[in-house]
Amino acid sequence: MLAPNEVKEDLKEDVKKVRYAYSVTATLLAGGAALSLAGFPAGAQVAQNDDSQIARVVPRAGAPESFADLTEQLQPAVVNISTRQRIEVQTGGNPFAGTPFEGMFNRRRGQQDSEPQYREGQSLGSGFIISSDGYVVTNNHVVSPTGRGSVEEITVTLPDGTEYEAELVGTDAASDLAVLKVNRREAFPFVTFGDSSQARVGDWVIAIGNPFGLGGTVTSGIVSSVLRNAGSGAYDRYLQTDASINRGNSGGPLFDMQGNVIGINNAIISPTGGSVGIGFAIPAETAAPIVDKLRRGVEIERGYLGIQIQPVTEDVASSLGLARNRGEIVQMVQPGEPADRGGIEAGDIVLRVNGKDVTPDQTLSYLVANIAPGTSIPLDVIRDGERRRVNVTVGKRPSEEEMRRSQMFDPDAEPEDDMSPSDSEVIQESVGLQVLELTPQIARQLGAGSDTRGLVIASVDQNSDAARKGLQRGDIILTANYRPMTSVADLETAVRSAKAENRDAVLLRIQRRGGSPQYVAIRLR
């Protein structure tokens, strides 16, 4: 234990250290250096000496004192894009149709007015030139028609006000990218794609675009997140930024501090319609290969397995006793498609695709879509509690029209009221359901196939997790924790087993009316 005078001397030394650290910070402030939240220059790394008392600053590339020089170099290659569209208007029809007066109205110059009616629509967006001969990149939704109709004219306006009529070279709706072409004798200023995979949270970025049609607007911010999943599809992996992005910024570039395009501004999250600091940009690593193919007229081919999937939520992980909440669970395997031929089964939990982890930020859909059709890849899955490796040859993703599948149930079918539920207290108290065995008569009522086996949900406790997960009367429970359900006793056994193993949920495979089977984890009460 220290003597009082020793404590006093210790305090004096601490005060000296604090004053020294304060004087260093004050000097940096007085020198005009950009500061981080910790009081050190932006981009600085903090190192400590052996006694961990005095911090020293190791400079790194960070934000400049001004963005003016960088903006001056980049802005000439950023363009405004406007379109003129001819949109078919849905009319209310002839109110006298089917009456003796039907032919007396909606005539023009003595002719029956049966021609479709159109109106002119316009859209505004942004883009950027990527070559001296005038290829322009933007978002597909900027140049695609809204509603029913066609784009009649696309105009590209340079920062100096010069306008050019643009040719639509190619579009890709899945990635929301489009390539245009403008022509003139002189070379165009242009910018190039950078490596977005090197972007880090906290890096400075600037966005240039055409918000609200104002033109030539520059905003700055940082990378707020990388690999952000916003739930919009196979190419749902964005750079998130707090640089101000508004309507009209779509298709414009997001630059790093070296002047490279690392993202294409695409969308925002906003309750008001204006910027609230949550903007999304398509990463350059995703966009550049697609843009190159569109520019060369090459067909965009995407990988395809032929499965329906859903994320492994906390409840699903708990129901299966998984140590980590990751991967995606296979809801359904389309017969005859690549996954079916490769041996993937409904209920498999896919953890890795071709050596890459399946995570919320790197979904199975994203990984597969970016694999060339015809490539044989390994999938690491969990099946029946055991880890396995399955090799699958990736197929070519069909068009949306080709992917329409026939539905198993008639969505308009309604169960009749003669379903008498079981009175199993175990099931009612644990999962909030009343169920009964699926008979051929009930199957016909529900529009289910004659070979369907399972339990029918007769009622759902509205205070249960089953109700919160959307289970309804008439849904069919096919399996519980991967075991087929043929009797009420089967479900009772599954519930008791889950409780005995200290699991918080039971995993049900549900056949909903009008839909495909899916796995739903129901928390036990």
Protein backbone atom coordinates (compact mmCIF):
# COMPACT_ATOMS: atom_id res chain seq x y z
CA MET A 1 0.00 0.00 0.00
CA LEU A 2 1.32 3.47 -0.96
CA ALA A 3 2.08 6.11 1.63
CA PRO A 4 0.09 9.40 1.37
CA ASN A 5 3.09 11.29 -0.06
CA GLU A 6 3.61 8.53 -2.65
CA VAL A 7 -0.05 8.75 -3.72
CA LYS A 8 0.34 12.51 -4.07
CA GLU A 9 3.40 12.13 -6.33
CA ASP A 10 1.54 9.54 -8.43
CA LEU A 11 -1.32 11.98 -8.94
CA LYS A 12 1.09 14.70 -10.04
CA GLU A 13 2.55 12.39 -12.68
CA ASP A 14 -0.95 11.52 -13.96
CA VAL A 15 -1.84 15.20 -14.24
CA LYS A 16 1.33 15.85 -16.27
CA LYS A 17 0.40 13.05 -18.68
CA VAL A 18 -3.13 14.40 -19.15
CA ARG A 19 -1.83 17.93 -19.76
CA TYR A 20 0.65 16.59 -22.33
CA ALA A 21 -2.02 14.67 -24.20
CA TYR A 22 -4.28 17.74 -24.14
CA SER A 23 -1.50 19.96 -25.53
CA VAL A 24 -0.92 17.51 -28.43
CA THR A 25 -4.62 17.53 -29.30
CA ALA A 26 -4.80 21.34 -29.04
CA THR A 27 -1.82 21.65 -31.40
CA LEU A 28 -3.54 19.46 -33.98
CA LEU A 29 -6.71 21.52 -33.73
CA ALA A 30 -4.79 24.78 -34.07
CA GLY A 31 -2.99 23.42 -37.13
CA GLY A 32 -6.28 22.86 -38.93
CA ALA A 33 -5.87 19.12 -39.28
CA ALA A 34 -9.03 17.08 -39.91
CA LEU A 35 -9.80 15.24 -36.69
CA SER A 36 -11.43 11.94 -36.04
CA LEU A 37 -13.67 11.38 -33.02
CA ALA A 38 -10.63 10.31 -31.04
CA GLY A 39 -8.92 13.65 -31.62
CA PHE A 40 -6.41 12.37 -34.19
CA PRO A 41 -6.11 13.30 -37.86
CA ALA A 42 -8.52 11.54 -40.22
CA GLY A 43 -6.96 8.34 -41.50
CA ALA A 44 -4.43 8.26 -38.66
CA GLN A 45 -3.38 5.11 -36.88
CA VAL A 46 -2.67 5.32 -33.17
CA ALA A 47 0.43 3.51 -31.91
CA GLN A 48 1.62 3.12 -28.35
CA ASN A 49 5.10 2.77 -26.89
CA ASP A 50 6.14 0.00 -24.54
CA ASP A 51 4.80 1.65 -21.40
CA SER A 52 1.44 2.41 -23.16
CA GLN A 53 1.50 6.03 -21.99
CA ILE A 54 2.23 8.30 -24.96
CA ALA A 55 0.30 8.01 -28.22
CA ARG A 56 1.94 8.83 -31.52
CA VAL A 57 0.16 9.40 -34.82
CA VAL A 58 1.02 7.40 -37.93
CA PRO A 59 -0.47 9.32 -40.89
CA ARG A 60 -2.61 7.51 -43.49
CA ALA A 61 -4.39 8.78 -46.57
CA GLY A 62 -7.60 10.46 -45.48
CA ALA A 63 -9.96 13.25 -46.48
CA PRO A 64 -8.40 16.28 -48.14
CA GLU A 65 -8.84 19.75 -46.66
CA SER A 66 -11.23 20.37 -49.54
CA PHE A 67 -13.00 18.21 -52.11
CA ALA A 68 -12.82 21.00 -54.70
CA ASP A 69 -9.80 19.77 -56.68
CA LEU A 70 -11.11 16.21 -56.87
CA THR A 71 -14.59 17.42 -57.84
CA GLU A 72 -13.17 19.64 -60.56
CA GLN A 73 -11.45 16.64 -62.13
CA LEU A 74 -14.44 14.27 -61.89
CA GLN A 75 -17.51 16.41 -62.50
CA PRO A 76 -17.10 16.75 -66.31
CA ALA A 77 -17.71 12.99 -66.69
CA VAL A 78 -20.94 12.97 -64.62
CA VAL A 79 -24.09 13.53 -66.68
CA ASN A 80 -27.77 14.18 -66.22
CA ILE A 81 -30.18 11.76 -67.89
CA SER A 82 -33.76 12.48 -68.86
CA THR A 83 -36.24 10.30 -70.73
CA ARG A 84 -39.49 10.90 -72.54
CA GLN A 85 -41.90 8.00 -72.43
CA ARG A 86 -45.20 7.15 -74.08
CA ILE A 87 -47.23 5.45 -71.35
CA GLU A 88 -50.48 3.60 -71.93
CA VAL A 89 -53.23 4.81 -69.61
CA GLN A 90 -55.77 2.41 -68.18
CA THR A 91 -59.23 3.87 -68.72
CA GLY A 92 -62.33 3.11 -66.74
CA GLY A 93 -64.12 1.66 -69.77
CA ASN A 94 -67.55 2.49 -71.19
CA PRO A 95 -70.08 2.89 -68.39
CA PHE A 96 -72.85 1.96 -70.86
CA ALA A 97 -71.22 -1.32 -71.93
CA GLY A 98 -73.80 -4.08 -72.24
CA THR A 99 -76.71 -1.64 -72.63
CA PRO A 100 -78.56 -0.40 -75.75
CA PHE A 101 -76.59 2.87 -75.42
CA GLU A 102 -73.16 1.19 -75.63
CA GLY A 103 -72.42 2.30 -79.20
CA MET A 104 -73.55 5.89 -78.73
CA PHE A 105 -70.69 7.09 -76.55
CA ASN A 106 -66.88 7.22 -76.60
CA ARG A 107 -66.88 8.08 -80.30
CA ARG A 108 -64.45 10.30 -82.09
CA ARG A 109 -65.50 11.74 -85.44
CA GLY A 110 -68.07 9.04 -85.87
CA GLN A 111 -65.77 6.11 -84.98
CA GLN A 112 -65.90 3.88 -81.92
CA ASP A 113 -63.07 4.90 -79.56
CA SER A 114 -61.46 1.52 -78.94
CA GLU A 115 -57.87 2.73 -79.33
CA PRO A 116 -55.66 2.71 -76.20
CA GLN A 117 -54.97 6.10 -74.66
CA TYR A 118 -51.45 7.35 -73.88
CA ARG A 119 -49.84 10.10 -71.90
CA GLU A 120 -46.31 11.44 -71.90
CA GLY A 121 -44.10 10.67 -68.94
CA GLN A 122 -40.62 11.83 -67.99
CA SER A 123 -37.92 10.62 -65.65
CA LEU A 124 -34.73 12.19 -64.38
CA GLY A 125 -31.57 10.54 -63.19
CA SER A 126 -27.81 10.56 -63.28
CA GLY A 127 -25.03 8.69 -65.01
CA PHE A 128 -21.33 8.80 -65.80
CA ILE A 129 -19.19 8.40 -68.90
CA ILE A 130 -16.77 5.44 -68.80
CA SER A 131 -14.96 5.84 -72.14
CA SER A 132 -13.72 8.59 -74.44
CA ASP A 133 -16.06 7.38 -77.20
CA GLY A 134 -19.15 8.07 -75.09
CA TYR A 135 -20.41 4.97 -73.26
CA VAL A 136 -22.56 5.99 -70.29
CA VAL A 137 -23.55 3.92 -67.23
CA THR A 138 -26.76 4.49 -65.28
CA ASN A 139 -29.51 2.54 -63.48
CA ASN A 140 -31.96 0.45 -65.45
CA HIS A 141 -34.89 2.06 -63.65
CA VAL A 142 -33.76 5.49 -64.89
CA VAL A 143 -34.17 4.55 -68.56
CA SER A 144 -36.81 1.79 -68.40
CA PRO A 145 -40.45 2.60 -69.04
CA THR A 146 -42.80 3.03 -66.12
CA GLY A 147 -46.16 1.37 -66.46
CA ARG A 148 -47.13 0.20 -69.94
CA GLY A 149 -45.42 1.92 -72.85
CA SER A 150 -41.99 2.58 -74.26
CA VAL A 151 -39.14 5.08 -74.01
CA GLU A 152 -39.20 7.33 -77.03
CA GLU A 153 -36.20 9.51 -76.24
CA ILE A 154 -33.20 9.51 -73.89
CA THR A 155 -31.23 12.72 -73.46
CA VAL A 156 -27.80 12.96 -71.85
CA THR A 157 -26.77 16.41 -70.64
CA LEU A 158 -23.14 17.24 -69.84
CA PRO A 159 -22.20 19.68 -67.06
CA ASP A 160 -21.62 22.44 -69.64
CA GLY A 161 -25.25 22.14 -70.72
CA THR A 162 -24.58 20.34 -74.01
CA GLU A 163 -27.30 17.80 -74.80
CA TYR A 164 -26.93 14.56 -76.74
CA GLU A 165 -29.51 12.06 -77.85
CA ALA A 166 -28.51 8.70 -76.40
CA GLU A 167 -28.81 5.19 -77.77
CA LEU A 168 -29.82 2.46 -75.33
CA VAL A 169 -27.10 -0.18 -75.70
CA GLY A 170 -28.27 -2.69 -73.10
CA THR A 171 -30.10 -3.13 -69.81
CA ASP A 172 -30.14 -5.68 -67.01
CA ALA A 173 -33.13 -5.49 -64.69
CA ALA A 174 -31.75 -7.99 -62.15
CA SER A 175 -28.77 -5.78 -61.29
CA ASP A 176 -30.59 -2.53 -62.20
CA LEU A 177 -27.87 -1.46 -64.63
CA ALA A 178 -28.00 0.09 -68.09
CA VAL A 179 -25.48 1.27 -70.69
CA LEU A 180 -26.10 4.16 -73.10
CA LYS A 181 -24.07 5.56 -76.00
CA VAL A 182 -23.63 9.20 -77.07
CA ASN A 183 -21.57 10.42 -80.01
CA ARG A 184 -19.52 13.43 -81.01
CA ARG A 185 -16.25 14.08 -82.83
CA GLU A 186 -14.30 15.17 -79.76
CA ALA A 187 -13.33 12.73 -77.03
CA PHE A 188 -15.52 12.70 -73.95
CA PRO A 189 -14.14 13.08 -70.42
CA PHE A 190 -14.54 9.80 -68.58
CA VAL A 191 -13.97 8.07 -65.26
CA THR A 192 -13.07 4.46 -64.42
CA PHE A 193 -14.25 1.81 -62.00
CA GLY A 194 -12.20 1.17 -58.87
CA ASP A 195 -11.94 -1.82 -56.57
CA SER A 196 -14.94 -1.65 -54.23
CA SER A 197 -13.77 -4.78 -52.40
CA GLN A 198 -11.09 -2.60 -50.79
CA ALA A 199 -13.64 -0.11 -49.43
CA ARG A 200 -13.77 0.00 -45.64
CA VAL A 201 -16.34 1.35 -43.25
CA GLY A 202 -15.28 4.90 -42.48
CA ASP A 203 -13.64 5.65 -45.84
CA TRP A 204 -14.48 9.05 -47.29
CA VAL A 205 -16.58 9.15 -50.48
CA ILE A 206 -18.25 11.78 -52.64
CA ALA A 207 -21.42 11.46 -54.71
CA ILE A 208 -22.10 13.58 -57.80
CA GLY A 209 -25.48 13.61 -59.49
CA ASN A 210 -28.76 15.23 -60.44
CA PRO A 211 -30.97 15.27 -57.31
CA PHE A 212 -34.48 16.59 -57.95
CA GLY A 213 -33.31 17.71 -61.40
CA LEU A 214 -30.99 20.35 -59.97
CA GLY A 215 -27.95 19.00 -61.84
CA GLY A 216 -24.26 18.94 -60.92
CA THR A 217 -24.69 18.46 -57.17
CA VAL A 218 -21.80 17.17 -55.04
CA THR A 219 -22.21 15.63 -51.59
CA SER A 220 -19.70 13.93 -49.32
CA GLY A 221 -19.79 11.34 -46.58
CA ILE A 222 -18.30 8.05 -45.55
CA VAL A 223 -18.87 4.39 -46.28
CA SER A 224 -21.37 3.45 -43.57
CA SER A 225 -21.40 -0.28 -44.30
CA VAL A 226 -20.10 -2.73 -46.87
CA LEU A 227 -21.93 -5.79 -48.20
CA ARG A 228 -25.24 -4.41 -46.92
CA ASN A 229 -28.21 -6.68 -47.60
CA ALA A 230 -31.40 -4.70 -48.14
CA GLY A 231 -33.58 -7.67 -49.10
CA SER A 232 -34.16 -6.89 -52.76
CA GLY A 233 -32.90 -9.93 -54.68
CA ALA A 234 -29.94 -11.94 -55.88
CA TYR A 235 -27.75 -8.86 -56.34
CA ASP A 236 -28.70 -7.45 -52.98
CA ARG A 237 -25.25 -6.49 -51.71
CA TYR A 238 -24.63 -2.77 -51.47
CA LEU A 239 -22.25 -0.15 -50.21
CA GLN A 240 -24.12 1.98 -47.69
CA THR A 241 -23.18 5.64 -47.37
CA ASP A 242 -24.34 8.70 -45.47
CA ALA A 243 -23.42 10.99 -48.40
CA SER A 244 -26.65 12.77 -49.26
CA ILE A 245 -28.50 10.87 -52.02
CA ASN A 246 -31.95 11.91 -53.22
CA ARG A 247 -34.33 11.27 -56.09
CA GLY A 248 -32.44 11.96 -59.28
CA ASN A 249 -29.13 10.72 -57.88
CA SER A 250 -29.96 7.23 -59.18
CA GLY A 251 -27.33 6.01 -61.62
CA GLY A 252 -24.74 8.54 -60.50
CA PRO A 253 -21.24 7.62 -59.30
CA LEU A 254 -19.92 7.21 -55.79
CA PHE A 255 -16.21 8.08 -55.82
CA ASP A 256 -13.37 7.19 -53.50
CA MET A 257 -10.64 9.70 -52.69
CA GLN A 258 -8.55 8.52 -55.66
CA GLY A 259 -11.32 9.47 -58.07
CA ASN A 260 -12.39 5.89 -58.84
CA VAL A 261 -16.03 4.87 -59.14
CA ILE A 262 -16.55 2.35 -56.35
CA GLY A 263 -20.36 2.41 -56.44
CA ILE A 264 -23.40 3.38 -58.50
CA ASN A 265 -25.97 5.23 -56.40
CA ASN A 266 -29.15 3.22 -56.52
CA ALA A 267 -31.59 3.62 -53.63
CA ILE A 268 -32.29 5.21 -50.27
CA ILE A 269 -34.23 4.33 -47.16
CA SER A 270 -36.36 7.27 -46.10
CA PRO A 271 -39.71 7.77 -44.38
CA THR A 272 -39.99 11.20 -46.02
CA GLY A 273 -38.71 10.56 -49.55
CA GLY A 274 -35.64 12.72 -48.93
CA SER A 275 -32.17 11.86 -47.72
CA VAL A 276 -31.86 10.77 -44.10
CA GLY A 277 -28.31 9.53 -44.46
CA ILE A 278 -29.04 5.95 -45.53
CA GLY A 279 -28.14 5.51 -49.18
CA PHE A 280 -27.16 2.43 -51.16
CA ALA A 281 -24.78 2.05 -54.09
CA ILE A 282 -24.18 -0.98 -56.32
CA PRO A 283 -20.55 -1.98 -55.68
CA ALA A 284 -18.15 -1.60 -58.61
CA GLU A 285 -17.07 -5.22 -58.23
CA THR A 286 -20.66 -6.22 -59.04
CA ALA A 287 -21.36 -3.58 -61.67
CA ALA A 288 -18.16 -3.55 -63.74
CA PRO A 289 -18.41 -7.11 -65.21
CA ILE A 290 -22.10 -6.62 -66.06
CA VAL A 291 -21.45 -3.22 -67.64
CA ASP A 292 -18.66 -4.72 -69.73
CA LYS A 293 -20.98 -7.44 -71.04
CA LEU A 294 -23.79 -4.98 -71.78
CA ARG A 295 -21.35 -2.75 -73.62
CA ARG A 296 -20.18 -5.67 -75.79
CA GLY A 297 -23.68 -7.03 -76.35
CA VAL A 298 -22.96 -10.25 -74.46
CA GLU A 299 -25.87 -12.07 -72.81
CA ILE A 300 -25.94 -11.85 -69.02
CA GLU A 301 -25.96 -15.41 -67.67
CA ARG A 302 -26.46 -16.16 -63.99
CA GLY A 303 -26.05 -19.28 -61.95
CA TYR A 304 -29.14 -21.17 -60.82
CA LEU A 305 -29.84 -24.12 -58.52
CA GLY A 306 -33.62 -24.40 -58.63
CA ILE A 307 -34.40 -24.11 -54.93
CA GLN A 308 -36.44 -21.93 -52.61
CA ILE A 309 -34.60 -20.74 -49.52
CA GLN A 310 -34.93 -18.70 -46.36
CA PRO A 311 -32.38 -17.41 -43.83
CA VAL A 312 -31.56 -19.40 -40.73
CA THR A 313 -33.10 -17.17 -38.10
CA GLU A 314 -32.37 -17.32 -34.40
CA ASP A 315 -35.48 -19.43 -33.87
CA VAL A 316 -34.57 -21.87 -36.65
CA ALA A 317 -31.06 -22.22 -35.24
CA SER A 318 -32.49 -22.81 -31.77
CA SER A 319 -34.93 -25.45 -33.03
CA LEU A 320 -32.08 -27.37 -34.65
CA GLY A 321 -29.54 -26.88 -31.90
CA LEU A 322 -27.11 -25.07 -34.21
CA ALA A 323 -24.20 -23.37 -32.53
CA ARG A 324 -24.12 -20.48 -35.01
CA ASN A 325 -26.96 -18.56 -36.61
CA ARG A 326 -25.78 -18.64 -40.21
CA GLY A 327 -26.54 -20.28 -43.54
CA GLU A 328 -29.85 -20.62 -45.36
CA ILE A 329 -32.38 -23.40 -45.22
CA VAL A 330 -33.71 -25.07 -48.39
CA GLN A 331 -37.48 -24.82 -48.44
CA MET A 332 -38.13 -26.64 -51.69
CA VAL A 333 -36.14 -28.32 -54.45
CA GLN A 334 -37.52 -28.01 -57.96
CA PRO A 335 -37.64 -31.48 -59.58
CA GLY A 336 -35.18 -31.96 -62.42
CA GLU A 337 -33.22 -28.76 -61.71
CA PRO A 338 -29.48 -28.58 -60.78
CA ALA A 339 -29.98 -28.88 -57.02
CA ASP A 340 -32.23 -31.90 -57.46
CA ARG A 341 -29.75 -33.58 -59.79
CA GLY A 342 -26.94 -32.84 -57.33
CA GLY A 343 -28.73 -34.41 -54.37
CA ILE A 344 -29.82 -31.31 -52.42
CA GLU A 345 -32.89 -32.00 -50.28
CA ALA A 346 -35.56 -29.84 -48.69
CA GLY A 347 -34.48 -29.08 -45.14
CA ASP A 348 -30.76 -28.94 -45.95
CA ILE A 349 -29.02 -25.96 -44.35
CA VAL A 350 -26.46 -24.58 -46.78
CA LEU A 351 -23.47 -23.16 -44.89
CA ARG A 352 -20.91 -22.65 -47.68
CA VAL A 353 -21.04 -22.26 -51.44
CA ASN A 354 -17.85 -22.98 -53.37
CA GLY A 355 -15.79 -22.31 -50.25
CA LYS A 356 -17.55 -19.06 -49.31
CA ASP A 357 -19.68 -18.71 -46.18
CA VAL A 358 -23.40 -18.06 -46.56
CA THR A 359 -24.18 -15.09 -44.31
CA PRO A 360 -26.80 -12.32 -44.16
CA ASP A 361 -24.32 -10.09 -46.01
CA GLN A 362 -23.36 -12.77 -48.55
CA THR A 363 -26.49 -14.69 -49.40
CA LEU A 364 -26.74 -18.00 -51.16
CA SER A 365 -28.60 -16.32 -54.04
CA TYR A 366 -25.81 -13.79 -54.49
CA LEU A 367 -23.07 -16.41 -54.43
CA VAL A 368 -24.79 -18.73 -56.90
CA ALA A 369 -25.88 -15.94 -59.26
CA ASN A 370 -22.24 -14.92 -59.69
CA ILE A 371 -21.07 -18.42 -60.66
CA ALA A 372 -20.93 -19.23 -64.38
CA PRO A 373 -23.51 -21.83 -65.52
CA GLY A 374 -21.91 -25.23 -66.08
CA THR A 375 -19.49 -24.85 -63.16
CA SER A 376 -19.35 -27.73 -60.66
CA ILE A 377 -19.20 -26.41 -57.11
CA PRO A 378 -19.22 -27.92 -53.60
CA LEU A 379 -21.98 -27.02 -51.15
CA ASP A 380 -21.42 -27.61 -47.45
CA VAL A 381 -24.75 -28.49 -45.86
CA ILE A 382 -26.18 -29.76 -42.59
CA ARG A 383 -28.63 -32.63 -43.05
CA ASP A 384 -30.20 -34.54 -40.17
CA GLY A 385 -27.76 -32.86 -37.82
CA GLU A 386 -24.69 -33.98 -39.77
CA ARG A 387 -22.41 -31.89 -41.93
CA ARG A 388 -22.06 -33.06 -45.53
CA ARG A 389 -20.55 -31.87 -48.80
CA VAL A 390 -22.63 -32.06 -51.97
CA ASN A 391 -21.29 -31.28 -55.45
CA VAL A 392 -23.71 -29.51 -57.78
CA THR A 393 -23.31 -28.35 -61.38
CA VAL A 394 -24.74 -24.84 -61.58
CA GLY A 395 -27.41 -24.28 -64.21
CA LYS A 396 -28.42 -21.18 -66.16
CA ARG A 397 -31.04 -19.03 -64.50
CA PRO A 398 -34.27 -19.06 -66.56
CA SER A 399 -36.26 -15.96 -67.35
CA GLU A 400 -38.91 -14.84 -64.87
CA GLU A 401 -41.60 -16.16 -67.21
CA GLU A 402 -39.95 -19.59 -67.36
CA MET A 403 -39.63 -19.71 -63.58
CA ARG A 404 -43.34 -19.54 -62.92
CA ARG A 405 -44.28 -22.73 -61.20
CA SER A 406 -47.65 -24.35 -60.87
CA GLN A 407 -49.07 -24.00 -57.38
CA MET A 408 -49.80 -27.09 -55.32
CA PHE A 409 -52.96 -25.70 -53.77
CA ASP A 410 -55.85 -23.66 -55.08
CA PRO A 411 -55.45 -20.29 -53.30
CA ASP A 412 -59.21 -19.76 -53.35
CA ALA A 413 -59.98 -23.07 -51.67
CA GLU A 414 -61.52 -22.76 -48.21
CA PRO A 415 -61.63 -25.56 -45.65
CA GLU A 416 -65.07 -26.64 -44.59
CA ASP A 417 -66.19 -26.40 -40.99
CA ASP A 418 -66.30 -30.12 -40.27
CA MET A 419 -62.69 -30.28 -39.09
CA SER A 420 -62.74 -31.42 -35.49
CA PRO A 421 -59.38 -30.64 -33.88
CA SER A 422 -57.54 -32.84 -31.46
CA ASP A 423 -57.47 -31.83 -27.80
CA SER A 424 -53.75 -32.44 -27.27
CA GLU A 425 -52.78 -30.28 -24.31
CA VAL A 426 -49.06 -30.72 -25.08
CA ILE A 427 -49.43 -29.18 -28.54
CA GLN A 428 -51.88 -26.47 -27.48
CA GLU A 429 -49.83 -25.33 -24.50
CA SER A 430 -46.43 -25.58 -26.17
CA VAL A 431 -47.01 -24.18 -29.67
CA GLY A 432 -50.54 -22.74 -29.51
CA LEU A 433 -52.03 -25.01 -32.19
CA GLN A 434 -54.94 -27.38 -32.50
CA VAL A 435 -54.32 -29.96 -35.21
CA LEU A 436 -55.93 -33.01 -36.76
CA GLU A 437 -54.76 -35.75 -39.08
CA LEU A 438 -55.03 -35.09 -42.82
CA THR A 439 -57.66 -37.37 -44.32
CA PRO A 440 -58.37 -37.74 -48.05
CA GLN A 441 -61.62 -35.79 -47.56
CA ILE A 442 -59.87 -32.86 -45.86
CA ALA A 443 -57.09 -32.95 -48.46
CA ARG A 444 -59.71 -32.52 -51.21
CA GLN A 445 -61.24 -29.60 -49.32
CA LEU A 446 -57.87 -27.91 -49.11
CA GLY A 447 -56.91 -28.64 -52.68
CA ALA A 448 -53.93 -30.71 -51.56
CA GLY A 449 -52.53 -33.60 -53.56
CA SER A 450 -53.88 -37.06 -52.81
CA ASP A 451 -50.41 -38.19 -51.76
CA THR A 452 -49.96 -35.38 -49.21
CA ARG A 453 -49.35 -36.61 -45.66
CA GLY A 454 -49.39 -34.47 -42.54
CA LEU A 455 -51.44 -32.67 -39.91
CA VAL A 456 -53.91 -29.90 -40.62
CA ILE A 457 -53.96 -26.81 -38.43
CA ALA A 458 -57.53 -26.38 -37.19
CA SER A 459 -56.97 -23.29 -35.02
CA VAL A 460 -54.17 -20.98 -33.92
CA ASP A 461 -53.85 -19.23 -30.56
CA GLN A 462 -53.49 -15.56 -31.54
CA ASN A 463 -51.14 -14.97 -28.60
CA SER A 464 -48.72 -17.66 -29.77
CA ASP A 465 -45.52 -17.45 -31.78
CA ALA A 466 -47.24 -19.57 -34.42
CA ALA A 467 -49.72 -16.73 -35.00
CA ARG A 468 -46.91 -14.19 -35.15
CA LYS A 469 -45.18 -16.35 -37.76
CA GLY A 470 -48.32 -16.35 -39.91
CA LEU A 471 -49.62 -19.90 -39.42
CA GLN A 472 -53.32 -20.18 -40.22
CA ARG A 473 -56.21 -22.60 -40.15
CA GLY A 474 -55.91 -24.92 -43.14
CA ASP A 475 -52.10 -24.95 -43.25
CA ILE A 476 -50.61 -28.46 -43.33
CA ILE A 477 -47.72 -29.50 -41.09
CA LEU A 478 -45.63 -31.90 -43.17
CA THR A 479 -42.70 -32.46 -40.80
CA ALA A 480 -41.50 -31.43 -37.35
CA ASN A 481 -37.74 -31.32 -36.84
CA TYR A 482 -37.50 -33.20 -40.17
CA ARG A 483 -39.69 -36.10 -39.01
CA PRO A 484 -42.82 -36.79 -41.11
CA MET A 485 -46.10 -36.05 -39.36
CA THR A 486 -48.75 -38.74 -39.82
CA SER A 487 -50.49 -38.51 -36.46
CA VAL A 488 -51.07 -36.07 -33.64
CA ALA A 489 -48.87 -38.27 -31.47
CA ASP A 490 -45.97 -37.60 -33.87
CA LEU A 491 -46.16 -33.87 -33.18
CA GLU A 492 -46.49 -34.45 -29.45
CA THR A 493 -43.30 -36.55 -29.56
CA ALA A 494 -41.44 -33.84 -31.51
CA VAL A 495 -42.46 -31.18 -28.98
CA ARG A 496 -41.49 -33.30 -25.99
CA SER A 497 -38.13 -34.17 -27.58
CA ALA A 498 -37.36 -30.50 -28.22
CA LYS A 499 -38.09 -29.67 -24.59
CA ALA A 500 -36.01 -32.60 -23.34
CA GLU A 501 -33.05 -31.32 -25.39
CA ASN A 502 -33.54 -27.81 -23.94
CA ARG A 503 -34.37 -26.30 -27.33
CA ASP A 504 -36.41 -23.13 -27.49
CA ALA A 505 -38.25 -23.91 -30.72
CA VAL A 506 -39.49 -26.68 -33.00
CA LEU A 507 -38.93 -26.53 -36.77
CA LEU A 508 -42.09 -27.20 -38.77
CA ARG A 509 -42.35 -27.66 -42.52
CA ILE A 510 -45.59 -25.99 -43.49
CA GLN A 511 -47.60 -26.36 -46.69
CA ARG A 512 -49.65 -23.18 -46.99
CA ARG A 513 -52.66 -23.00 -49.21
CA GLY A 514 -51.70 -21.36 -52.47
CA GLY A 515 -47.97 -21.58 -51.82
CA SER A 516 -44.93 -23.81 -51.68
CA PRO A 517 -43.74 -25.69 -48.57
CA GLN A 518 -41.55 -23.68 -46.22
CA TYR A 519 -39.81 -24.18 -42.89
CA VAL A 520 -41.04 -22.15 -39.93
CA ALA A 521 -39.44 -22.28 -36.48
CA ILE A 522 -42.08 -21.95 -33.74
CA ARG A 523 -40.89 -20.97 -30.28
CA LEU A 524 -42.08 -23.19 -27.46
CA ARG A 525 -44.01 -21.68 -24.56
